[in-house]
Amino acid sequence: MPLTHDFKETIRNRAQREPKFRQALLREAVESYLTGDLETGKAVLRDYVNATIGFQALEEQTAIPAKSLMRMLGPKGSPYAANLVSILGALQKAEGVRFELSLKG
């Protein structure tokens, strides 16, 4: 079910007001990818980009055309690992955070 314009606007407004919410969105996207939920990872990452720096700024950071980025993170998209790493690196830098992987046993 597609998100409504009002819902997307609510996410955008909250992300602009609350750094912890932005960071939680980015973390959710990364965790979704790591657990194999690629569809959720793409959807949350797309919402994060739209709510924060936008695809034009992400293009400047990654040297990947904005339209390609939008397709990659779209419902039928399938970003290569190298592109995903570039996207996540740029977003971490823009957000001022760094993710670390830890193993729990």
PDB file of N, CA and C in Angstrom:
ATOM      1  N   MET A   1       0.846  -1.177   0.000  1.00  0.00           N
ATOM      2  CA  MET A   1       0.000   0.000   0.000  1.00  0.00           C
ATOM      3  C   MET A   1       0.891   1.240   0.000  1.00  0.00           C
ATOM      4  N   PRO A   2       0.724   2.122  -0.986  1.00  0.00           N
ATOM      5  CA  PRO A   2       1.543   3.326  -1.047  1.00  0.00           C
ATOM      6  C   PRO A   2       1.252   4.273   0.120  1.00  0.00           C
ATOM      7  N   LEU A   3       2.284   4.993   0.517  1.00  0.00           N
ATOM      8  CA  LEU A   3       2.103   5.970   1.591  1.00  0.00           C
ATOM      9  C   LEU A   3       1.392   7.200   1.061  1.00  0.00           C
ATOM     10  N   THR A   4       0.569   7.802   1.879  1.00  0.00           N
ATOM     11  CA  THR A   4      -0.132   9.013   1.474  1.00  0.00           C
ATOM     12  C   THR A   4       0.806  10.203   1.556  1.00  0.00           C
ATOM     13  N   HIS A   5       0.440  11.246   0.853  1.00  0.00           N
ATOM     14  CA  HIS A   5       1.231  12.474   0.880  1.00  0.00           C
ATOM     15  C   HIS A   5       1.322  13.023   2.302  1.00  0.00           C
ATOM     16  N   ASP A   6       0.220  12.960   3.052  1.00  0.00           N
ATOM     17  CA  ASP A   6       0.213  13.473   4.423  1.00  0.00           C
ATOM     18  C   ASP A   6       1.200  12.704   5.308  1.00  0.00           C
ATOM     19  N   PHE A   7       1.239  11.383   5.146  1.00  0.00           N
ATOM     20  CA  PHE A   7       2.145  10.579   5.950  1.00  0.00           C
ATOM     21  C   PHE A   7       3.602  10.929   5.624  1.00  0.00           C
ATOM     22  N   LYS A   8       3.911  11.053   4.333  1.00  0.00           N
ATOM     23  CA  LYS A   8       5.278  11.406   3.933  1.00  0.00           C
ATOM     24  C   LYS A   8       5.652  12.795   4.454  1.00  0.00           C
ATOM     25  N   GLU A   9       4.711  13.702   4.421  1.00  0.00           N
ATOM     26  CA  GLU A   9       4.956  15.054   4.938  1.00  0.00           C
ATOM     27  C   GLU A   9       5.180  15.026   6.443  1.00  0.00           C
ATOM     28  N   THR A  10       4.445  14.181   7.150  1.00  0.00           N
ATOM     29  CA  THR A  10       4.632  14.025   8.591  1.00  0.00           C
ATOM     30  C   THR A  10       6.031  13.507   8.897  1.00  0.00           C
ATOM     31  N   ILE A  11       6.485  12.504   8.145  1.00  0.00           N
ATOM     32  CA  ILE A  11       7.845  11.984   8.330  1.00  0.00           C
ATOM     33  C   ILE A  11       8.866  13.078   8.070  1.00  0.00           C
ATOM     34  N   ARG A  12       8.691  13.809   6.968  1.00  0.00           N
ATOM     35  CA  ARG A  12       9.628  14.888   6.621  1.00  0.00           C
ATOM     36  C   ARG A  12       9.692  15.939   7.727  1.00  0.00           C
ATOM     37  N   ASN A  13       8.536  16.366   8.223  1.00  0.00           N
ATOM     38  CA  ASN A  13       8.502  17.389   9.271  1.00  0.00           C
ATOM     39  C   ASN A  13       9.179  16.899  10.549  1.00  0.00           C
ATOM     40  N   ARG A  14       8.878  15.675  10.923  1.00  0.00           N
ATOM     41  CA  ARG A  14       9.485  15.140  12.156  1.00  0.00           C
ATOM     42  C   ARG A  14      10.988  14.968  11.991  1.00  0.00           C
ATOM     43  N   ALA A  15      11.415  14.503  10.833  1.00  0.00           N
ATOM     44  CA  ALA A  15      12.852  14.315  10.586  1.00  0.00           C
ATOM     45  C   ALA A  15      13.596  15.645  10.634  1.00  0.00           C
ATOM     46  N   GLN A  16      12.971  16.693  10.163  1.00  0.00           N
ATOM     47  CA  GLN A  16      13.623  18.006  10.187  1.00  0.00           C
ATOM     48  C   GLN A  16      13.719  18.564  11.605  1.00  0.00           C
ATOM     49  N   ARG A  17      12.800  18.169  12.481  1.00  0.00           N
ATOM     50  CA  ARG A  17      12.791  18.663  13.866  1.00  0.00           C
ATOM     51  C   ARG A  17      13.637  17.831  14.817  1.00  0.00           C
ATOM     52  N   GLU A  18      13.701  16.510  14.571  1.00  0.00           N
ATOM     53  CA  GLU A  18      14.266  15.599  15.559  1.00  0.00           C
ATOM     54  C   GLU A  18      15.439  14.778  15.017  1.00  0.00           C
ATOM     55  N   PRO A  19      16.659  15.154  15.384  1.00  0.00           N
ATOM     56  CA  PRO A  19      17.828  14.385  14.936  1.00  0.00           C
ATOM     57  C   PRO A  19      17.761  12.907  15.321  1.00  0.00           C
ATOM     58  N   LYS A  20      17.250  12.600  16.500  1.00  0.00           N
ATOM     59  CA  LYS A  20      17.168  11.193  16.927  1.00  0.00           C
ATOM     60  C   LYS A  20      16.216  10.395  16.031  1.00  0.00           C
ATOM     61  N   PHE A  21      15.157  11.023  15.561  1.00  0.00           N
ATOM     62  CA  PHE A  21      14.235  10.358  14.642  1.00  0.00           C
ATOM     63  C   PHE A  21      14.923  10.082  13.311  1.00  0.00           C
ATOM     64  N   ARG A  22      15.667  11.076  12.797  1.00  0.00           N
ATOM     65  CA  ARG A  22      16.418  10.876  11.546  1.00  0.00           C
ATOM     66  C   ARG A  22      17.384   9.711  11.687  1.00  0.00           C
ATOM     67  N   GLN A  23      18.119   9.694  12.781  1.00  0.00           N
ATOM     68  CA  GLN A  23      19.096   8.637  13.012  1.00  0.00           C
ATOM     69  C   GLN A  23      18.414   7.280  13.139  1.00  0.00           C
ATOM     70  N   ALA A  24      17.242   7.249  13.769  1.00  0.00           N
ATOM     71  CA  ALA A  24      16.498   5.993  13.905  1.00  0.00           C
ATOM     72  C   ALA A  24      16.024   5.491  12.538  1.00  0.00           C
ATOM     73  N   LEU A  25      15.616   6.399  11.660  1.00  0.00           N
ATOM     74  CA  LEU A  25      15.228   5.996  10.305  1.00  0.00           C
ATOM     75  C   LEU A  25      16.406   5.366   9.570  1.00  0.00           C
ATOM     76  N   LEU A  26      17.548   6.029   9.640  1.00  0.00           N
ATOM     77  CA  LEU A  26      18.735   5.518   8.963  1.00  0.00           C
ATOM     78  C   LEU A  26      19.148   4.173   9.549  1.00  0.00           C
ATOM     79  N   ARG A  27      19.108   4.056  10.856  1.00  0.00           N
ATOM     80  CA  ARG A  27      19.457   2.794  11.518  1.00  0.00           C
ATOM     81  C   ARG A  27      18.487   1.681  11.104  1.00  0.00           C
ATOM     82  N   GLU A  28      17.205   1.998  11.032  1.00  0.00           N
ATOM     83  CA  GLU A  28      16.195   1.012  10.623  1.00  0.00           C
ATOM     84  C   GLU A  28      16.468   0.520   9.202  1.00  0.00           C
ATOM     85  N   ALA A  29      16.840   1.421   8.321  1.00  0.00           N
ATOM     86  CA  ALA A  29      17.154   1.021   6.945  1.00  0.00           C
ATOM     87  C   ALA A  29      18.335   0.057   6.920  1.00  0.00           C
ATOM     88  N   VAL A  30      19.399   0.399   7.637  1.00  0.00           N
ATOM     89  CA  VAL A  30      20.593  -0.452   7.675  1.00  0.00           C
ATOM     90  C   VAL A  30      20.271  -1.805   8.294  1.00  0.00           C
ATOM     91  N   GLU A  31      19.562  -1.806   9.401  1.00  0.00           N
ATOM     92  CA  GLU A  31      19.212  -3.071  10.065  1.00  0.00           C
ATOM     93  C   GLU A  31      18.330  -3.934   9.172  1.00  0.00           C
ATOM     94  N   SER A  32      17.435  -3.322   8.428  1.00  0.00           N
ATOM     95  CA  SER A  32      16.584  -4.085   7.509  1.00  0.00           C
ATOM     96  C   SER A  32      17.418  -4.771   6.439  1.00  0.00           C
ATOM     97  N   TYR A  33      18.365  -4.039   5.876  1.00  0.00           N
ATOM     98  CA  TYR A  33      19.258  -4.647   4.885  1.00  0.00           C
ATOM     99  C   TYR A  33      20.040  -5.802   5.494  1.00  0.00           C
ATOM    100  N   LEU A  34      20.585  -5.586   6.678  1.00  0.00           N
ATOM    101  CA  LEU A  34      21.423  -6.614   7.302  1.00  0.00           C
ATOM    102  C   LEU A  34      20.648  -7.872   7.671  1.00  0.00           C
ATOM    103  N   THR A  35      19.362  -7.732   7.937  1.00  0.00           N
ATOM    104  CA  THR A  35      18.554  -8.911   8.279  1.00  0.00           C
ATOM    105  C   THR A  35      17.883  -9.526   7.052  1.00  0.00           C
ATOM    106  N   GLY A  36      18.163  -8.989   5.876  1.00  0.00           N
ATOM    107  CA  GLY A  36      17.639  -9.559   4.646  1.00  0.00           C
ATOM    108  C   GLY A  36      16.304  -9.012   4.193  1.00  0.00           C
ATOM    109  N   ASP A  37      15.784  -8.015   4.873  1.00  0.00           N
ATOM    110  CA  ASP A  37      14.515  -7.398   4.477  1.00  0.00           C
ATOM    111  C   ASP A  37      14.815  -6.231   3.541  1.00  0.00           C
ATOM    112  N   LEU A  38      15.131  -6.570   2.295  1.00  0.00           N
ATOM    113  CA  LEU A  38      15.570  -5.565   1.328  1.00  0.00           C
ATOM    114  C   LEU A  38      14.475  -4.567   0.977  1.00  0.00           C
ATOM    115  N   GLU A  39      13.246  -5.029   0.885  1.00  0.00           N
ATOM    116  CA  GLU A  39      12.149  -4.129   0.528  1.00  0.00           C
ATOM    117  C   GLU A  39      11.959  -3.042   1.580  1.00  0.00           C
ATOM    118  N   THR A  40      11.962  -3.430   2.849  1.00  0.00           N
ATOM    119  CA  THR A  40      11.830  -2.440   3.923  1.00  0.00           C
ATOM    120  C   THR A  40      13.045  -1.529   3.944  1.00  0.00           C
ATOM    121  N   GLY A  41      14.231  -2.095   3.771  1.00  0.00           N
ATOM    122  CA  GLY A  41      15.450  -1.287   3.749  1.00  0.00           C
ATOM    123  C   GLY A  41      15.391  -0.199   2.692  1.00  0.00           C
ATOM    124  N   LYS A  42      14.970  -0.574   1.479  1.00  0.00           N
ATOM    125  CA  LYS A  42      14.870   0.416   0.396  1.00  0.00           C
ATOM    126  C   LYS A  42      13.818   1.470   0.711  1.00  0.00           C
ATOM    127  N   ALA A  43      12.669   1.031   1.199  1.00  0.00           N
ATOM    128  CA  ALA A  43      11.574   1.964   1.475  1.00  0.00           C
ATOM    129  C   ALA A  43      11.962   2.972   2.556  1.00  0.00           C
ATOM    130  N   VAL A  44      12.565   2.487   3.626  1.00  0.00           N
ATOM    131  CA  VAL A  44      12.952   3.389   4.723  1.00  0.00           C
ATOM    132  C   VAL A  44      14.081   4.309   4.274  1.00  0.00           C
ATOM    133  N   LEU A  45      15.026   3.776   3.511  1.00  0.00           N
ATOM    134  CA  LEU A  45      16.129   4.597   3.018  1.00  0.00           C
ATOM    135  C   LEU A  45      15.605   5.687   2.078  1.00  0.00           C
ATOM    136  N   ARG A  46      14.660   5.342   1.230  1.00  0.00           N
ATOM    137  CA  ARG A  46      14.048   6.321   0.319  1.00  0.00           C
ATOM    138  C   ARG A  46      13.334   7.412   1.121  1.00  0.00           C
ATOM    139  N   ASP A  47      12.574   7.004   2.148  1.00  0.00           N
ATOM    140  CA  ASP A  47      11.898   7.993   2.997  1.00  0.00           C
ATOM    141  C   ASP A  47      12.911   8.888   3.704  1.00  0.00           C
ATOM    142  N   TYR A  48      13.999   8.285   4.175  1.00  0.00           N
ATOM    143  CA  TYR A  48      15.043   9.062   4.850  1.00  0.00           C
ATOM    144  C   TYR A  48      15.633  10.112   3.901  1.00  0.00           C
ATOM    145  N   VAL A  49      15.990   9.682   2.706  1.00  0.00           N
ATOM    146  CA  VAL A  49      16.584  10.623   1.738  1.00  0.00           C
ATOM    147  C   VAL A  49      15.604  11.747   1.428  1.00  0.00           C
ATOM    148  N   ASN A  50      14.356  11.394   1.158  1.00  0.00           N
ATOM    149  CA  ASN A  50      13.353  12.417   0.858  1.00  0.00           C
ATOM    150  C   ASN A  50      13.134  13.379   2.020  1.00  0.00           C
ATOM    151  N   ALA A  51      13.240  12.884   3.238  1.00  0.00           N
ATOM    152  CA  ALA A  51      12.995  13.715   4.417  1.00  0.00           C
ATOM    153  C   ALA A  51      14.212  14.536   4.837  1.00  0.00           C
ATOM    154  N   THR A  52      15.380  14.201   4.298  1.00  0.00           N
ATOM    155  CA  THR A  52      16.596  14.889   4.749  1.00  0.00           C
ATOM    156  C   THR A  52      17.292  15.599   3.588  1.00  0.00           C
ATOM    157  N   ILE A  53      18.342  15.019   3.057  1.00  0.00           N
ATOM    158  CA  ILE A  53      19.177  15.745   2.089  1.00  0.00           C
ATOM    159  C   ILE A  53      18.610  15.787   0.682  1.00  0.00           C
ATOM    160  N   GLY A  54      17.722  14.877   0.331  1.00  0.00           N
ATOM    161  CA  GLY A  54      17.153  14.827  -1.011  1.00  0.00           C
ATOM    162  C   GLY A  54      18.077  14.117  -1.992  1.00  0.00           C
ATOM    163  N   PHE A  55      17.512  13.726  -3.114  1.00  0.00           N
ATOM    164  CA  PHE A  55      18.266  12.939  -4.088  1.00  0.00           C
ATOM    165  C   PHE A  55      19.293  13.764  -4.854  1.00  0.00           C
ATOM    166  N   GLN A  56      19.046  15.060  -5.041  1.00  0.00           N
ATOM    167  CA  GLN A  56      20.031  15.899  -5.742  1.00  0.00           C
ATOM    168  C   GLN A  56      21.317  16.013  -4.937  1.00  0.00           C
ATOM    169  N   ALA A  57      21.200  16.264  -3.648  1.00  0.00           N
ATOM    170  CA  ALA A  57      22.396  16.360  -2.801  1.00  0.00           C
ATOM    171  C   ALA A  57      23.083  15.006  -2.692  1.00  0.00           C
ATOM    172  N   LEU A  58      22.301  13.928  -2.647  1.00  0.00           N
ATOM    173  CA  LEU A  58      22.891  12.594  -2.588  1.00  0.00           C
ATOM    174  C   LEU A  58      23.651  12.297  -3.877  1.00  0.00           C
ATOM    175  N   GLU A  59      23.143  12.775  -4.998  1.00  0.00           N
ATOM    176  CA  GLU A  59      23.860  12.642  -6.270  1.00  0.00           C
ATOM    177  C   GLU A  59      25.233  13.303  -6.185  1.00  0.00           C
ATOM    178  N   GLU A  60      25.272  14.498  -5.638  1.00  0.00           N
ATOM    179  CA  GLU A  60      26.543  15.224  -5.507  1.00  0.00           C
ATOM    180  C   GLU A  60      27.530  14.475  -4.608  1.00  0.00           C
ATOM    181  N   GLN A  61      27.023  13.823  -3.574  1.00  0.00           N
ATOM    182  CA  GLN A  61      27.878  13.106  -2.622  1.00  0.00           C
ATOM    183  C   GLN A  61      28.380  11.772  -3.156  1.00  0.00           C
ATOM    184  N   THR A  62      27.581  11.132  -4.019  1.00  0.00           N
ATOM    185  CA  THR A  62      27.917   9.773  -4.469  1.00  0.00           C
ATOM    186  C   THR A  62      28.371   9.690  -5.915  1.00  0.00           C
ATOM    187  N   ALA A  63      28.145  10.739  -6.689  1.00  0.00           N
ATOM    188  CA  ALA A  63      28.422  10.740  -8.131  1.00  0.00           C
ATOM    189  C   ALA A  63      27.532   9.725  -8.872  1.00  0.00           C
ATOM    190  N   ILE A  64      26.402   9.381  -8.278  1.00  0.00           N
ATOM    191  CA  ILE A  64      25.402   8.522  -8.914  1.00  0.00           C
ATOM    192  C   ILE A  64      24.234   9.433  -9.285  1.00  0.00           C
ATOM    193  N   PRO A  65      23.806   9.434 -10.558  1.00  0.00           N
ATOM    194  CA  PRO A  65      22.699  10.321 -10.955  1.00  0.00           C
ATOM    195  C   PRO A  65      21.461  10.141 -10.074  1.00  0.00           C
ATOM    196  N   ALA A  66      20.820  11.265  -9.767  1.00  0.00           N
ATOM    197  CA  ALA A  66      19.650  11.252  -8.883  1.00  0.00           C
ATOM    198  C   ALA A  66      18.567  10.300  -9.383  1.00  0.00           C
ATOM    199  N   LYS A  67      18.324  10.282 -10.695  1.00  0.00           N
ATOM    200  CA  LYS A  67      17.288   9.392 -11.226  1.00  0.00           C
ATOM    201  C   LYS A  67      17.661   7.930 -11.007  1.00  0.00           C
ATOM    202  N   SER A  68      18.945   7.612 -11.110  1.00  0.00           N
ATOM    203  CA  SER A  68      19.392   6.244 -10.842  1.00  0.00           C
ATOM    204  C   SER A  68      19.202   5.901  -9.369  1.00  0.00           C
ATOM    205  N   LEU A  69      19.523   6.849  -8.495  1.00  0.00           N
ATOM    206  CA  LEU A  69      19.329   6.634  -7.063  1.00  0.00           C
ATOM    207  C   LEU A  69      17.859   6.377  -6.749  1.00  0.00           C
ATOM    208  N   MET A  70      16.978   7.164  -7.360  1.00  0.00           N
ATOM    209  CA  MET A  70      15.547   6.991  -7.127  1.00  0.00           C
ATOM    210  C   MET A  70      15.087   5.618  -7.610  1.00  0.00           C
ATOM    211  N   ARG A  71      15.578   5.202  -8.775  1.00  0.00           N
ATOM    212  CA  ARG A  71      15.209   3.869  -9.279  1.00  0.00           C
ATOM    213  C   ARG A  71      15.736   2.772  -8.369  1.00  0.00           C
ATOM    214  N   MET A  72      16.996   2.895  -7.930  1.00  0.00           N
ATOM    215  CA  MET A  72      17.605   1.882  -7.061  1.00  0.00           C
ATOM    216  C   MET A  72      16.799   1.683  -5.783  1.00  0.00           C
ATOM    217  N   LEU A  73      16.315   2.783  -5.225  1.00  0.00           N
ATOM    218  CA  LEU A  73      15.605   2.723  -3.951  1.00  0.00           C
ATOM    219  C   LEU A  73      14.094   2.617  -4.135  1.00  0.00           C
ATOM    220  N   GLY A  74      13.652   2.485  -5.382  1.00  0.00           N
ATOM    221  CA  GLY A  74      12.236   2.311  -5.677  1.00  0.00           C
ATOM    222  C   GLY A  74      11.808   0.871  -5.435  1.00  0.00           C
ATOM    223  N   PRO A  75      10.516   0.607  -5.500  1.00  0.00           N
ATOM    224  CA  PRO A  75       9.991  -0.733  -5.212  1.00  0.00           C
ATOM    225  C   PRO A  75      10.590  -1.844  -6.068  1.00  0.00           C
ATOM    226  N   LYS A  76      10.941  -1.553  -7.311  1.00  0.00           N
ATOM    227  CA  LYS A  76      11.509  -2.572  -8.199  1.00  0.00           C
ATOM    228  C   LYS A  76      13.028  -2.466  -8.290  1.00  0.00           C
ATOM    229  N   GLY A  77      13.621  -1.542  -7.549  1.00  0.00           N
ATOM    230  CA  GLY A  77      15.051  -1.318  -7.607  1.00  0.00           C
ATOM    231  C   GLY A  77      15.864  -2.417  -6.961  1.00  0.00           C
ATOM    232  N   SER A  78      17.096  -2.513  -7.414  1.00  0.00           N
ATOM    233  CA  SER A  78      18.016  -3.507  -6.870  1.00  0.00           C
ATOM    234  C   SER A  78      19.430  -2.932  -6.922  1.00  0.00           C
ATOM    235  N   PRO A  79      19.782  -2.125  -5.921  1.00  0.00           N
ATOM    236  CA  PRO A  79      21.097  -1.472  -5.971  1.00  0.00           C
ATOM    237  C   PRO A  79      22.238  -2.474  -5.804  1.00  0.00           C
ATOM    238  N   TYR A  80      23.288  -2.255  -6.581  1.00  0.00           N
ATOM    239  CA  TYR A  80      24.504  -3.043  -6.401  1.00  0.00           C
ATOM    240  C   TYR A  80      25.082  -2.731  -5.024  1.00  0.00           C
ATOM    241  N   ALA A  81      25.814  -3.684  -4.480  1.00  0.00           N
ATOM    242  CA  ALA A  81      26.408  -3.503  -3.150  1.00  0.00           C
ATOM    243  C   ALA A  81      27.299  -2.267  -3.120  1.00  0.00           C
ATOM    244  N   ALA A  82      28.089  -2.046  -4.159  1.00  0.00           N
ATOM    245  CA  ALA A  82      28.987  -0.884  -4.195  1.00  0.00           C
ATOM    246  C   ALA A  82      28.189   0.419  -4.126  1.00  0.00           C
ATOM    247  N   ASN A  83      27.062   0.482  -4.831  1.00  0.00           N
ATOM    248  CA  ASN A  83      26.233   1.685  -4.788  1.00  0.00           C
ATOM    249  C   ASN A  83      25.595   1.864  -3.419  1.00  0.00           C
ATOM    250  N   LEU A  84      25.145   0.770  -2.835  1.00  0.00           N
ATOM    251  CA  LEU A  84      24.527   0.851  -1.510  1.00  0.00           C
ATOM    252  C   LEU A  84      25.538   1.332  -0.472  1.00  0.00           C
ATOM    253  N   VAL A  85      26.750   0.830  -0.541  1.00  0.00           N
ATOM    254  CA  VAL A  85      27.802   1.264   0.383  1.00  0.00           C
ATOM    255  C   VAL A  85      28.087   2.754   0.188  1.00  0.00           C
ATOM    256  N   SER A  86      28.130   3.198  -1.060  1.00  0.00           N
ATOM    257  CA  SER A  86      28.359   4.621  -1.346  1.00  0.00           C
ATOM    258  C   SER A  86      27.224   5.482  -0.788  1.00  0.00           C
ATOM    259  N   ILE A  87      25.989   5.033  -0.981  1.00  0.00           N
ATOM    260  CA  ILE A  87      24.820   5.765  -0.471  1.00  0.00           C
ATOM    261  C   ILE A  87      24.862   5.841   1.048  1.00  0.00           C
ATOM    262  N   LEU A  88      25.069   4.699   1.698  1.00  0.00           N
ATOM    263  CA  LEU A  88      25.087   4.682   3.162  1.00  0.00           C
ATOM    264  C   LEU A  88      26.245   5.497   3.724  1.00  0.00           C
ATOM    265  N   GLY A  89      27.388   5.451   3.063  1.00  0.00           N
ATOM    266  CA  GLY A  89      28.526   6.262   3.504  1.00  0.00           C
ATOM    267  C   GLY A  89      28.216   7.748   3.435  1.00  0.00           C
ATOM    268  N   ALA A  90      27.613   8.176   2.342  1.00  0.00           N
ATOM    269  CA  ALA A  90      27.266   9.590   2.180  1.00  0.00           C
ATOM    270  C   ALA A  90      26.222  10.025   3.208  1.00  0.00           C
ATOM    271  N   LEU A  91      25.240   9.168   3.464  1.00  0.00           N
ATOM    272  CA  LEU A  91      24.193   9.528   4.421  1.00  0.00           C
ATOM    273  C   LEU A  91      24.714   9.563   5.846  1.00  0.00           C
ATOM    274  N   GLN A  92      25.613   8.651   6.186  1.00  0.00           N
ATOM    275  CA  GLN A  92      26.230   8.691   7.520  1.00  0.00           C
ATOM    276  C   GLN A  92      27.002   9.990   7.701  1.00  0.00           C
ATOM    277  N   LYS A  93      27.736  10.365   6.678  1.00  0.00           N
ATOM    278  CA  LYS A  93      28.519  11.599   6.742  1.00  0.00           C
ATOM    279  C   LYS A  93      27.600  12.814   6.888  1.00  0.00           C
ATOM    280  N   ALA A  94      26.536  12.846   6.103  1.00  0.00           N
ATOM    281  CA  ALA A  94      25.598  13.972   6.167  1.00  0.00           C
ATOM    282  C   ALA A  94      24.912  14.056   7.526  1.00  0.00           C
ATOM    283  N   GLU A  95      24.619  12.899   8.107  1.00  0.00           N
ATOM    284  CA  GLU A  95      23.932  12.857   9.399  1.00  0.00           C
ATOM    285  C   GLU A  95      24.895  13.040  10.563  1.00  0.00           C
ATOM    286  N   GLY A  96      26.181  12.836  10.308  1.00  0.00           N
ATOM    287  CA  GLY A  96      27.167  12.963  11.387  1.00  0.00           C
ATOM    288  C   GLY A  96      27.198  11.758  12.301  1.00  0.00           C
ATOM    289  N   VAL A  97      26.889  10.575  11.750  1.00  0.00           N
ATOM    290  CA  VAL A  97      26.911   9.339  12.527  1.00  0.00           C
ATOM    291  C   VAL A  97      27.800   8.317  11.809  1.00  0.00           C
ATOM    292  N   ARG A  98      28.149   7.274  12.539  1.00  0.00           N
ATOM    293  CA  ARG A  98      28.908   6.172  11.950  1.00  0.00           C
ATOM    294  C   ARG A  98      28.389   4.875  12.532  1.00  0.00           C
ATOM    295  N   PHE A  99      28.003   3.977  11.664  1.00  0.00           N
ATOM    296  CA  PHE A  99      27.508   2.687  12.117  1.00  0.00           C
ATOM    297  C   PHE A  99      28.660   1.725  12.288  1.00  0.00           C
ATOM    298  N   GLU A 100      28.543   0.893  13.325  1.00  0.00           N
ATOM    299  CA  GLU A 100      29.517  -0.165  13.581  1.00  0.00           C
ATOM    300  C   GLU A 100      28.761  -1.465  13.726  1.00  0.00           C
ATOM    301  N   LEU A 101      29.324  -2.512  13.215  1.00  0.00           N
ATOM    302  CA  LEU A 101      28.719  -3.837  13.318  1.00  0.00           C
ATOM    303  C   LEU A 101      29.305  -4.561  14.496  1.00  0.00           C
ATOM    304  N   SER A 102      28.455  -5.168  15.311  1.00  0.00           N
ATOM    305  CA  SER A 102      28.953  -5.975  16.420  1.00  0.00           C
ATOM    306  C   SER A 102      28.236  -7.314  16.397  1.00  0.00           C
ATOM    307  N   LEU A 103      28.938  -8.344  16.816  1.00  0.00           N
ATOM    308  CA  LEU A 103      28.371  -9.682  16.868  1.00  0.00           C
ATOM    309  C   LEU A 103      27.934  -9.972  18.285  1.00  0.00           C
ATOM    310  N   LYS A 104      26.749 -10.545  18.380  1.00  0.00           N
ATOM    311  CA  LYS A 104      26.253 -10.949  19.696  1.00  0.00           C
ATOM    312  C   LYS A 104      26.082 -12.452  19.658  1.00  0.00           C
ATOM    313  N   GLY A 105      26.573 -13.108  20.662  1.00  0.00           N
ATOM    314  CA  GLY A 105      26.548 -14.561  20.627  1.00  0.00           C
ATOM    315  C   GLY A 105      25.811 -15.176  21.710  1.00  0.00           C
TER     316      GLY A 105
END
